[in-house]
Amino acid sequence: MRMKWLAVWLVVLCARGLEATPKPHVISFGKWTPVKWYVGEKPMDLKVRALFVDTRLKEYTLGAPHEVTDRLFVVRRAFRLNDNLPQESGGVRWRWERGGWLVVDRLTGRVSQINLPEFDPYYSAASWYRDYVAYCGVSDDGKKLYAMVAQVGRRKAVLKKALGEAAGEDEPDSECPAPQWQRQPMRVMFEPAEDQKLTYAIRGHAVDLVVEEADEGE
């Protein structure tokens, strides 16, 4: 009888152990699909692909993902917007738009949007390094331009420095090129204009402006 009860308890303990083991999630992308993205009334070509978690569609994405750690990666979001007017009837007229950035956790299968302060899906060109992202941000009224550095998991921006007035041109990603990173020491350079280059040293949550020495003879 004791051996019988011991066997039962072993089965129960094994079952509980299996329940406590996290189920692995399968993260995958679908095939690239060409779509039209309208800048005003001008169509531009985009390629999007679906993001699946355990074969379930979670989001549409564009561009290459950036590996943050062996567990987390980030990727740019794309989505479809209902473009029907109130007086229009019939089928839904979908319009593709570029969105912000998503962080994907391979262990939990969670997909969530990253809050990037002042990030403009139309004008901001992002550059990732480790868990930091640098970009030129635009104020809500579209008039001010900022040098921005944000970090995954941190709500407040690591860097926010005014760069002057936003140009407000019609072309996407036109406010400034994607910032350039340097590894050691860790620095990021913004170039909002041909005659304006600003380099910042990043040390954790601290940021210092790096003043480049003038060439001899200047």
Protein backbone atom coordinates (compact mmCIF):
# COMPACT_ATOMS: atom_id res chain seq x y z
CA MET A 1 0.00 0.00 0.00
CA ARG A 2 2.84 2.39 0.84
CA MET A 3 4.45 1.78 -2.54
CA LYS A 4 1.12 2.48 -4.26
CA TRP A 5 0.67 5.84 -2.50
CA LEU A 6 4.31 6.74 -3.15
CA ALA A 7 3.79 6.12 -6.85
CA VAL A 8 0.66 8.31 -6.83
CA TRP A 9 2.51 11.18 -5.13
CA LEU A 10 5.36 10.91 -7.63
CA VAL A 11 2.89 11.21 -10.50
CA VAL A 12 1.25 14.27 -8.88
CA LEU A 13 4.59 15.96 -8.24
CA CYS A 14 5.73 15.34 -11.81
CA ALA A 15 2.48 16.78 -13.16
CA ARG A 16 2.87 19.91 -11.03
CA GLY A 17 6.45 20.27 -12.20
CA LEU A 18 5.35 20.12 -15.82
CA GLU A 19 2.68 22.75 -15.17
CA ALA A 20 5.26 25.08 -13.60
CA THR A 21 7.61 24.76 -16.61
CA PRO A 22 7.03 27.75 -18.90
CA LYS A 23 5.78 26.79 -22.33
CA PRO A 24 8.23 27.85 -25.04
CA HIS A 25 6.85 30.35 -27.55
CA VAL A 26 7.55 30.33 -31.26
CA ILE A 27 8.21 33.81 -32.67
CA SER A 28 8.19 34.02 -36.46
CA PHE A 29 7.72 36.42 -39.36
CA GLY A 30 5.60 35.97 -42.46
CA LYS A 31 6.71 36.67 -46.00
CA TRP A 32 7.33 40.21 -47.22
CA THR A 33 4.33 41.84 -48.88
CA PRO A 34 4.57 45.03 -50.99
CA VAL A 35 2.03 47.71 -50.03
CA LYS A 36 1.40 51.36 -50.83
CA TRP A 37 2.05 54.02 -48.21
CA TYR A 38 0.50 57.38 -49.08
CA VAL A 39 2.48 60.53 -48.33
CA GLY A 40 -0.29 63.04 -48.89
CA GLU A 41 -1.70 61.79 -52.18
CA LYS A 42 1.65 60.43 -53.38
CA PRO A 43 1.98 56.62 -53.10
CA MET A 44 5.29 55.19 -51.89
CA ASP A 45 6.33 51.56 -51.84
CA LEU A 46 6.68 49.74 -48.50
CA LYS A 47 7.29 46.12 -47.66
CA VAL A 48 5.55 44.74 -44.58
CA ARG A 49 5.39 41.32 -42.99
CA ALA A 50 3.34 39.73 -40.25
CA LEU A 51 4.69 38.96 -36.78
CA PHE A 52 3.38 35.69 -35.34
CA VAL A 53 3.51 34.34 -31.80
CA ASP A 54 2.66 30.62 -31.70
CA THR A 55 1.14 30.93 -35.23
CA ARG A 56 -1.15 33.77 -34.05
CA LEU A 57 -0.92 37.09 -35.86
CA LYS A 58 0.13 39.84 -33.43
CA GLU A 59 1.30 42.79 -35.53
CA TYR A 60 2.53 43.87 -38.93
CA THR A 61 6.12 45.08 -39.11
CA LEU A 62 8.55 46.73 -41.50
CA GLY A 63 12.32 46.80 -41.68
CA ALA A 64 14.83 44.53 -39.99
CA PRO A 65 14.54 43.75 -36.25
CA HIS A 66 17.26 44.82 -33.82
CA GLU A 67 18.43 42.23 -31.30
CA VAL A 68 18.63 43.88 -27.87
CA THR A 69 19.47 40.72 -25.88
CA ASP A 70 19.19 36.99 -26.55
CA ARG A 71 15.65 37.32 -25.17
CA LEU A 72 14.41 40.71 -26.44
CA PHE A 73 14.32 42.30 -29.86
CA VAL A 74 12.70 45.44 -31.26
CA VAL A 75 11.07 45.99 -34.64
CA ARG A 76 9.21 48.83 -36.38
CA ARG A 77 5.42 48.57 -36.45
CA ALA A 78 3.13 48.99 -39.45
CA PHE A 79 -0.65 49.05 -39.27
CA ARG A 80 -3.78 49.52 -41.37
CA LEU A 81 -6.02 52.51 -40.72
CA ASN A 82 -9.68 52.78 -41.70
CA ASP A 83 -9.79 55.61 -44.27
CA ASN A 84 -13.55 55.60 -44.88
CA LEU A 85 -15.44 58.89 -44.65
CA PRO A 86 -18.66 58.94 -42.56
CA GLN A 87 -20.82 59.32 -45.68
CA GLU A 88 -19.15 56.43 -47.51
CA SER A 89 -20.71 52.98 -47.46
CA GLY A 90 -19.60 49.59 -48.66
CA GLY A 91 -16.33 47.89 -47.87
CA VAL A 92 -13.67 49.34 -45.60
CA ARG A 93 -10.95 51.34 -47.30
CA TRP A 94 -7.73 50.44 -45.52
CA ARG A 95 -4.67 52.72 -45.54
CA TRP A 96 -1.22 51.54 -44.48
CA GLU A 97 0.71 53.70 -41.99
CA ARG A 98 4.12 53.52 -40.35
CA GLY A 99 3.99 53.23 -36.58
CA GLY A 100 6.41 53.33 -33.69
CA TRP A 101 8.52 50.47 -32.32
CA LEU A 102 7.62 47.16 -30.70
CA VAL A 103 9.59 45.13 -28.15
CA VAL A 104 9.18 41.35 -28.36
CA ASP A 105 9.99 38.98 -25.48
CA ARG A 106 10.87 35.53 -26.80
CA LEU A 107 10.44 33.88 -23.38
CA THR A 108 6.95 35.15 -22.56
CA GLY A 109 5.75 35.76 -26.12
CA ARG A 110 4.71 39.27 -25.14
CA VAL A 111 4.61 41.99 -27.81
CA SER A 112 4.29 45.57 -26.56
CA GLN A 113 4.74 49.06 -27.93
CA ILE A 114 7.69 51.17 -26.76
CA ASN A 115 6.99 54.69 -25.58
CA LEU A 116 9.52 56.89 -27.39
CA PRO A 117 9.14 60.54 -26.33
CA GLU A 118 8.73 63.00 -29.22
CA PHE A 119 9.14 60.19 -31.79
CA ASP A 120 7.38 61.12 -35.03
CA PRO A 121 6.48 58.10 -37.22
CA TYR A 122 6.74 60.28 -40.32
CA TYR A 123 9.88 62.36 -39.67
CA SER A 124 12.00 60.44 -37.14
CA ALA A 125 14.71 58.08 -38.41
CA ALA A 126 15.80 55.81 -35.54
CA SER A 127 19.23 54.29 -34.91
CA TRP A 128 19.59 51.45 -32.37
CA TYR A 129 22.63 50.43 -30.33
CA ARG A 130 22.33 47.90 -27.49
CA ASP A 131 19.12 48.90 -25.64
CA TYR A 132 19.41 52.57 -26.66
CA VAL A 133 17.73 54.30 -29.60
CA ALA A 134 18.67 57.72 -30.98
CA TYR A 135 16.50 59.86 -33.25
CA CYS A 136 15.45 63.42 -34.00
CA GLY A 137 12.16 64.05 -32.23
CA VAL A 138 9.49 66.59 -33.17
CA SER A 139 7.28 68.51 -30.73
CA ASP A 140 3.53 67.96 -30.74
CA ASP A 141 2.94 71.21 -32.62
CA GLY A 142 5.53 70.23 -35.24
CA LYS A 143 7.67 73.33 -34.68
CA LYS A 144 10.55 72.18 -32.45
CA LEU A 145 13.28 69.64 -33.21
CA TYR A 146 15.08 67.64 -30.50
CA ALA A 147 18.04 65.31 -30.23
CA MET A 148 16.61 62.28 -28.43
CA VAL A 149 18.07 59.15 -26.85
CA ALA A 150 15.74 56.65 -25.17
CA GLN A 151 16.36 53.32 -23.45
CA VAL A 152 14.19 50.21 -23.47
CA GLY A 153 12.34 49.87 -20.17
CA ARG A 154 12.87 53.50 -19.18
CA ARG A 155 9.99 55.97 -19.54
CA LYS A 156 11.98 59.18 -19.33
CA ALA A 157 14.32 60.02 -22.20
CA VAL A 158 18.04 59.67 -21.48
CA LEU A 159 18.69 62.69 -23.71
CA LYS A 160 16.43 65.51 -24.89
CA LYS A 161 18.20 68.56 -26.31
CA ALA A 162 16.63 71.27 -28.45
CA LEU A 163 18.09 71.51 -31.96
CA GLY A 164 16.08 74.49 -33.17
CA GLU A 165 13.10 74.80 -35.48
CA ALA A 166 11.75 71.79 -37.37
CA ALA A 167 11.97 72.15 -41.16
CA GLY A 168 8.53 70.62 -41.75
CA GLU A 169 9.38 69.31 -45.22
CA ASP A 170 7.09 66.93 -47.06
CA GLU A 171 9.58 64.06 -47.39
CA PRO A 172 9.59 61.28 -44.74
CA ASP A 173 12.63 60.97 -42.45
CA SER A 174 13.66 64.45 -43.63
CA GLU A 175 14.28 66.29 -40.33
CA CYS A 176 17.73 64.74 -39.91
CA PRO A 177 19.61 61.56 -40.91
CA ALA A 178 19.65 58.61 -38.54
CA PRO A 179 22.18 59.39 -35.77
CA GLN A 180 25.52 57.54 -35.76
CA TRP A 181 26.79 55.50 -32.81
CA GLN A 182 30.31 54.88 -31.53
CA ARG A 183 31.15 51.97 -29.24
CA GLN A 184 34.12 52.94 -27.01
CA PRO A 185 33.60 55.40 -25.55
CA MET A 186 29.87 55.16 -26.21
CA ARG A 187 28.82 58.24 -28.14
CA VAL A 188 26.09 59.26 -30.56
CA MET A 189 26.30 61.98 -33.19
CA PHE A 190 23.38 64.02 -34.55
CA GLU A 191 23.61 65.97 -37.80
CA PRO A 192 20.39 67.98 -38.19
CA ALA A 193 22.05 70.25 -40.77
CA GLU A 194 25.11 70.10 -43.02
CA ASP A 195 26.94 72.65 -40.88
CA GLN A 196 25.71 71.29 -37.52
CA LYS A 197 27.15 68.21 -35.82
CA LEU A 198 26.49 67.43 -32.16
CA THR A 199 28.08 64.49 -30.35
CA TYR A 200 26.93 63.24 -26.93
CA ALA A 201 28.69 60.78 -24.61
CA ILE A 202 26.29 58.28 -23.05
CA ARG A 203 27.13 56.88 -19.60
CA GLY A 204 24.16 54.96 -18.24
CA HIS A 205 21.51 57.61 -17.63
CA ALA A 206 24.02 60.47 -17.83
CA VAL A 207 24.74 62.41 -21.02
CA ASP A 208 27.51 64.91 -21.78
CA LEU A 209 27.98 67.10 -24.85
CA VAL A 210 31.31 66.34 -26.49
CA VAL A 211 33.02 69.46 -27.82
CA GLU A 212 35.19 68.60 -30.80
CA GLU A 213 38.52 70.35 -30.82
CA ALA A 214 39.06 72.71 -33.72
CA ASP A 215 41.70 71.77 -36.28
CA GLU A 216 45.00 73.59 -35.98
CA GLY A 217 45.14 76.77 -38.00
CA GLU A 218 41.42 77.48 -37.71
